[in-house]
Amino acid sequence: MPYKDHYVKRKIEEINPETDLKVKIMGFVVDKKDDTVILDDGSKKAKVFVDNITIVEKMNINQLVRIFGSTLPTDEGFEIKADVVQDLSNLNINLYKKVEELYNKMGV
């Protein structure tokens, strides 16, 4: 049986909280307070709740992160509860974008 990715890769603007129950998004931290960060992926911003306040305290504004999380529908759309926060500070974003472009071209 092939591996099925439980976290669907999405741009924030593409997330449908009714069908995308678990998502992975990548973006920059643009604001943080207590147990919440605001993530901007260039398409839209999302409010992300992080259970561990220590993780939020260690995050920096403009830090690149990937969030694996569950969507929570709200009256305004949705919020995300982080299951995993991955620091991507050392990622070469330009190289990443080139690889993504190649994947998309090949239909992978």
N, C-alpha and C. Protein backbone atom coordinates (compact mmCIF):
# COMPACT_ATOMS: atom_id res chain seq x y z
N MET A 1 0.84 -1.18 0.00
CA MET A 1 0.00 0.00 0.00
C MET A 1 0.89 1.25 0.00
N PRO A 2 0.69 2.18 -0.93
CA PRO A 2 1.54 3.37 -1.00
C PRO A 2 1.28 4.31 0.18
N TYR A 3 2.32 5.04 0.53
CA TYR A 3 2.24 6.02 1.62
C TYR A 3 1.31 7.15 1.21
N LYS A 4 0.41 7.53 2.09
CA LYS A 4 -0.49 8.66 1.84
C LYS A 4 -0.11 9.79 2.79
N ASP A 5 0.16 10.94 2.22
CA ASP A 5 0.52 12.11 3.02
C ASP A 5 -0.74 12.64 3.71
N HIS A 6 -0.74 12.62 5.01
CA HIS A 6 -1.90 13.08 5.77
C HIS A 6 -1.97 14.60 5.83
N TYR A 7 -0.86 15.28 5.69
CA TYR A 7 -0.83 16.74 5.68
C TYR A 7 -0.75 17.18 4.22
N VAL A 8 -1.77 17.89 3.76
CA VAL A 8 -1.82 18.33 2.37
C VAL A 8 -1.08 19.66 2.24
N LYS A 9 -0.17 19.72 1.27
CA LYS A 9 0.59 20.94 1.04
C LYS A 9 -0.32 21.97 0.38
N ARG A 10 -0.41 23.15 0.99
CA ARG A 10 -1.28 24.20 0.48
C ARG A 10 -0.66 25.58 0.65
N LYS A 11 -1.04 26.49 -0.24
CA LYS A 11 -0.85 27.92 -0.02
C LYS A 11 -1.99 28.31 0.91
N ILE A 12 -1.80 29.32 1.73
CA ILE A 12 -2.84 29.69 2.68
C ILE A 12 -4.13 30.06 1.97
N GLU A 13 -4.04 30.78 0.85
CA GLU A 13 -5.25 31.20 0.14
C GLU A 13 -6.02 30.01 -0.45
N GLU A 14 -5.37 28.85 -0.61
CA GLU A 14 -6.01 27.66 -1.19
C GLU A 14 -6.71 26.77 -0.16
N ILE A 15 -6.50 27.04 1.12
CA ILE A 15 -7.01 26.15 2.16
C ILE A 15 -8.53 26.24 2.25
N ASN A 16 -9.16 25.06 2.21
CA ASN A 16 -10.59 24.94 2.44
C ASN A 16 -10.73 24.14 3.74
N PRO A 17 -11.12 24.80 4.84
CA PRO A 17 -11.14 24.10 6.13
C PRO A 17 -12.15 22.95 6.20
N GLU A 18 -13.08 22.89 5.27
CA GLU A 18 -14.06 21.80 5.26
C GLU A 18 -13.48 20.52 4.67
N THR A 19 -12.53 20.66 3.74
CA THR A 19 -11.94 19.48 3.10
C THR A 19 -10.47 19.27 3.47
N ASP A 20 -9.76 20.35 3.79
CA ASP A 20 -8.35 20.27 4.15
C ASP A 20 -8.24 20.26 5.68
N LEU A 21 -8.38 19.07 6.25
CA LEU A 21 -8.38 18.97 7.71
C LEU A 21 -6.98 19.10 8.30
N LYS A 22 -5.98 18.58 7.57
CA LYS A 22 -4.58 18.68 8.00
C LYS A 22 -3.78 19.25 6.83
N VAL A 23 -3.04 20.31 7.11
CA VAL A 23 -2.29 20.99 6.06
C VAL A 23 -0.84 21.22 6.48
N LYS A 24 0.00 21.41 5.46
CA LYS A 24 1.36 21.89 5.72
C LYS A 24 1.53 23.15 4.90
N ILE A 25 1.95 24.21 5.60
CA ILE A 25 2.15 25.51 4.95
C ILE A 25 3.53 26.02 5.31
N MET A 26 4.08 26.85 4.45
CA MET A 26 5.40 27.41 4.67
C MET A 26 5.28 28.91 4.51
N GLY A 27 5.88 29.67 5.42
CA GLY A 27 5.83 31.11 5.32
C GLY A 27 6.69 31.78 6.36
N PHE A 28 6.60 33.09 6.39
CA PHE A 28 7.39 33.89 7.31
C PHE A 28 6.53 34.33 8.49
N VAL A 29 7.13 34.30 9.68
CA VAL A 29 6.46 34.79 10.87
C VAL A 29 6.44 36.31 10.78
N VAL A 30 5.24 36.89 10.76
CA VAL A 30 5.13 38.35 10.67
C VAL A 30 4.68 38.98 11.98
N ASP A 31 4.18 38.15 12.90
CA ASP A 31 3.78 38.64 14.21
C ASP A 31 3.67 37.45 15.15
N LYS A 32 3.82 37.69 16.44
CA LYS A 32 3.68 36.62 17.43
C LYS A 32 3.26 37.23 18.76
N LYS A 33 2.46 36.45 19.49
CA LYS A 33 2.01 36.88 20.81
C LYS A 33 1.55 35.66 21.58
N ASP A 34 2.08 35.49 22.77
CA ASP A 34 1.72 34.37 23.64
C ASP A 34 1.84 33.04 22.89
N ASP A 35 0.71 32.38 22.61
CA ASP A 35 0.74 31.07 21.95
C ASP A 35 0.32 31.14 20.49
N THR A 36 0.42 32.33 19.90
CA THR A 36 -0.06 32.53 18.53
C THR A 36 0.98 33.22 17.67
N VAL A 37 1.10 32.75 16.41
CA VAL A 37 1.93 33.44 15.42
C VAL A 37 1.06 33.71 14.20
N ILE A 38 1.42 34.76 13.48
CA ILE A 38 0.79 35.06 12.20
C ILE A 38 1.81 34.72 11.15
N LEU A 39 1.41 33.84 10.23
CA LEU A 39 2.29 33.35 9.17
C LEU A 39 1.84 33.93 7.84
N ASP A 40 2.78 34.42 7.04
CA ASP A 40 2.50 34.98 5.72
C ASP A 40 3.27 34.19 4.68
N ASP A 41 2.54 33.58 3.73
CA ASP A 41 3.21 32.79 2.69
C ASP A 41 3.24 33.51 1.35
N GLY A 42 2.87 34.78 1.35
CA GLY A 42 2.87 35.55 0.10
C GLY A 42 1.52 35.55 -0.59
N SER A 43 0.66 34.60 -0.24
CA SER A 43 -0.67 34.56 -0.84
C SER A 43 -1.71 35.13 0.13
N LYS A 44 -1.45 34.93 1.42
CA LYS A 44 -2.38 35.35 2.46
C LYS A 44 -1.71 35.12 3.82
N LYS A 45 -2.31 35.62 4.87
CA LYS A 45 -1.81 35.40 6.23
C LYS A 45 -2.74 34.44 6.96
N ALA A 46 -2.17 33.69 7.92
CA ALA A 46 -2.96 32.76 8.72
C ALA A 46 -2.54 32.87 10.18
N LYS A 47 -3.52 32.75 11.06
CA LYS A 47 -3.28 32.71 12.49
C LYS A 47 -3.01 31.26 12.87
N VAL A 48 -1.89 31.03 13.57
CA VAL A 48 -1.49 29.68 13.94
C VAL A 48 -1.31 29.61 15.45
N PHE A 49 -2.01 28.67 16.08
CA PHE A 49 -1.87 28.44 17.52
C PHE A 49 -0.81 27.37 17.74
N VAL A 50 0.09 27.63 18.70
CA VAL A 50 1.16 26.69 19.04
C VAL A 50 1.03 26.36 20.52
N ASP A 51 0.83 25.09 20.86
CA ASP A 51 0.62 24.68 22.26
C ASP A 51 1.80 25.03 23.16
N ASN A 52 3.00 24.93 22.63
CA ASN A 52 4.20 25.15 23.43
C ASN A 52 4.66 26.60 23.29
N ILE A 53 4.43 27.39 24.33
CA ILE A 53 4.78 28.82 24.30
C ILE A 53 6.28 29.01 24.11
N THR A 54 7.10 28.07 24.60
CA THR A 54 8.55 28.16 24.44
C THR A 54 8.94 28.19 22.96
N ILE A 55 8.23 27.42 22.15
CA ILE A 55 8.50 27.42 20.71
C ILE A 55 8.22 28.79 20.12
N VAL A 56 7.11 29.40 20.51
CA VAL A 56 6.77 30.74 20.01
C VAL A 56 7.82 31.75 20.45
N GLU A 57 8.25 31.65 21.69
CA GLU A 57 9.26 32.58 22.21
C GLU A 57 10.57 32.49 21.43
N LYS A 58 10.91 31.29 20.95
CA LYS A 58 12.16 31.10 20.20
C LYS A 58 12.05 31.57 18.75
N MET A 59 10.83 31.75 18.25
CA MET A 59 10.64 32.21 16.87
C MET A 59 10.98 33.69 16.76
N ASN A 60 11.48 34.07 15.61
CA ASN A 60 11.81 35.47 15.33
C ASN A 60 10.90 35.99 14.22
N ILE A 61 10.64 37.28 14.27
CA ILE A 61 9.90 37.91 13.17
C ILE A 61 10.74 37.76 11.90
N ASN A 62 10.11 37.45 10.78
CA ASN A 62 10.73 37.20 9.48
C ASN A 62 11.43 35.84 9.40
N GLN A 63 11.22 34.98 10.38
CA GLN A 63 11.79 33.63 10.34
C GLN A 63 10.92 32.77 9.43
N LEU A 64 11.57 32.00 8.57
CA LEU A 64 10.88 31.08 7.68
C LEU A 64 10.61 29.77 8.42
N VAL A 65 9.33 29.35 8.44
CA VAL A 65 8.96 28.10 9.11
C VAL A 65 7.97 27.34 8.24
N ARG A 66 7.88 26.04 8.53
CA ARG A 66 6.83 25.21 7.93
C ARG A 66 5.98 24.72 9.09
N ILE A 67 4.68 24.82 8.92
CA ILE A 67 3.73 24.39 9.93
C ILE A 67 2.97 23.18 9.41
N PHE A 68 2.94 22.13 10.19
CA PHE A 68 2.08 20.98 9.93
C PHE A 68 0.97 21.12 10.97
N GLY A 69 -0.28 21.30 10.51
CA GLY A 69 -1.31 21.55 11.49
C GLY A 69 -2.71 21.18 11.03
N SER A 70 -3.63 21.33 11.98
CA SER A 70 -5.04 21.04 11.76
C SER A 70 -5.80 22.35 11.57
N THR A 71 -6.71 22.37 10.61
CA THR A 71 -7.50 23.58 10.38
C THR A 71 -8.67 23.65 11.35
N LEU A 72 -8.97 24.86 11.79
CA LEU A 72 -10.08 25.10 12.69
C LEU A 72 -10.98 26.14 12.04
N PRO A 73 -12.16 25.75 11.55
CA PRO A 73 -13.06 26.72 10.91
C PRO A 73 -13.50 27.81 11.90
N THR A 74 -13.59 29.05 11.41
CA THR A 74 -14.08 30.18 12.20
C THR A 74 -15.07 30.96 11.34
N ASP A 75 -15.71 31.95 11.93
CA ASP A 75 -16.64 32.80 11.17
C ASP A 75 -15.92 33.56 10.07
N GLU A 76 -14.65 33.89 10.29
CA GLU A 76 -13.85 34.64 9.30
C GLU A 76 -13.14 33.75 8.31
N GLY A 77 -13.24 32.44 8.44
CA GLY A 77 -12.54 31.51 7.55
C GLY A 77 -12.00 30.33 8.31
N PHE A 78 -10.73 30.46 8.78
CA PHE A 78 -10.12 29.36 9.53
C PHE A 78 -8.90 29.86 10.29
N GLU A 79 -8.47 29.05 11.23
CA GLU A 79 -7.20 29.22 11.93
C GLU A 79 -6.54 27.85 11.90
N ILE A 80 -5.28 27.80 12.29
CA ILE A 80 -4.55 26.53 12.25
C ILE A 80 -3.97 26.25 13.64
N LYS A 81 -4.13 25.01 14.08
CA LYS A 81 -3.49 24.56 15.31
C LYS A 81 -2.26 23.76 14.89
N ALA A 82 -1.08 24.24 15.26
CA ALA A 82 0.16 23.59 14.85
C ALA A 82 0.36 22.27 15.57
N ASP A 83 0.66 21.25 14.80
CA ASP A 83 1.05 19.95 15.36
C ASP A 83 2.58 19.87 15.40
N VAL A 84 3.21 20.41 14.35
CA VAL A 84 4.67 20.42 14.24
C VAL A 84 5.09 21.77 13.65
N VAL A 85 6.15 22.34 14.22
CA VAL A 85 6.73 23.58 13.69
C VAL A 85 8.16 23.25 13.28
N GLN A 86 8.47 23.50 12.01
CA GLN A 86 9.80 23.19 11.48
C GLN A 86 10.51 24.49 11.13
N ASP A 87 11.68 24.70 11.69
CA ASP A 87 12.49 25.88 11.41
C ASP A 87 13.16 25.71 10.05
N LEU A 88 12.92 26.64 9.14
CA LEU A 88 13.53 26.58 7.80
C LEU A 88 14.48 27.76 7.57
N SER A 89 15.03 28.29 8.65
CA SER A 89 15.91 29.46 8.55
C SER A 89 17.08 29.24 7.61
N ASN A 90 17.58 28.01 7.54
CA ASN A 90 18.76 27.74 6.71
C ASN A 90 18.41 27.27 5.30
N LEU A 91 17.12 27.29 4.96
CA LEU A 91 16.69 26.87 3.63
C LEU A 91 17.07 27.92 2.59
N ASN A 92 17.64 27.48 1.48
CA ASN A 92 17.90 28.38 0.36
C ASN A 92 16.58 28.52 -0.40
N ILE A 93 15.85 29.59 -0.12
CA ILE A 93 14.49 29.76 -0.65
C ILE A 93 14.48 29.85 -2.16
N ASN A 94 15.49 30.44 -2.78
CA ASN A 94 15.54 30.53 -4.24
C ASN A 94 15.70 29.16 -4.88
N LEU A 95 16.58 28.33 -4.31
CA LEU A 95 16.76 26.98 -4.80
C LEU A 95 15.48 26.16 -4.59
N TYR A 96 14.84 26.34 -3.44
CA TYR A 96 13.59 25.65 -3.15
C TYR A 96 12.53 25.98 -4.20
N LYS A 97 12.40 27.26 -4.54
CA LYS A 97 11.41 27.68 -5.54
C LYS A 97 11.71 27.08 -6.91
N LYS A 98 13.00 26.99 -7.28
CA LYS A 98 13.37 26.38 -8.56
C LYS A 98 12.99 24.90 -8.59
N VAL A 99 13.25 24.21 -7.50
CA VAL A 99 12.91 22.79 -7.42
C VAL A 99 11.40 22.61 -7.49
N GLU A 100 10.65 23.43 -6.77
CA GLU A 100 9.18 23.37 -6.82
C GLU A 100 8.68 23.59 -8.24
N GLU A 101 9.27 24.56 -8.93
CA GLU A 101 8.88 24.85 -10.32
C GLU A 101 9.11 23.63 -11.20
N LEU A 102 10.25 22.97 -11.03
CA LEU A 102 10.56 21.77 -11.81
C LEU A 102 9.56 20.64 -11.50
N TYR A 103 9.27 20.45 -10.22
CA TYR A 103 8.28 19.44 -9.82
C TYR A 103 6.93 19.71 -10.49
N ASN A 104 6.51 20.96 -10.44
CA ASN A 104 5.21 21.32 -11.03
C ASN A 104 5.20 21.10 -12.53
N LYS A 105 6.32 21.40 -13.20
CA LYS A 105 6.44 21.19 -14.63
C LYS A 105 6.32 19.71 -14.99
N MET A 106 6.91 18.88 -14.14
CA MET A 106 6.92 17.44 -14.38
C MET A 106 5.64 16.76 -13.87
N GLY A 107 4.81 17.51 -13.16
CA GLY A 107 3.58 16.94 -12.63
C GLY A 107 3.76 16.06 -11.43
N VAL A 108 4.84 16.32 -10.69
CA VAL A 108 5.14 15.50 -9.51
C VAL A 108 4.57 16.17 -8.28
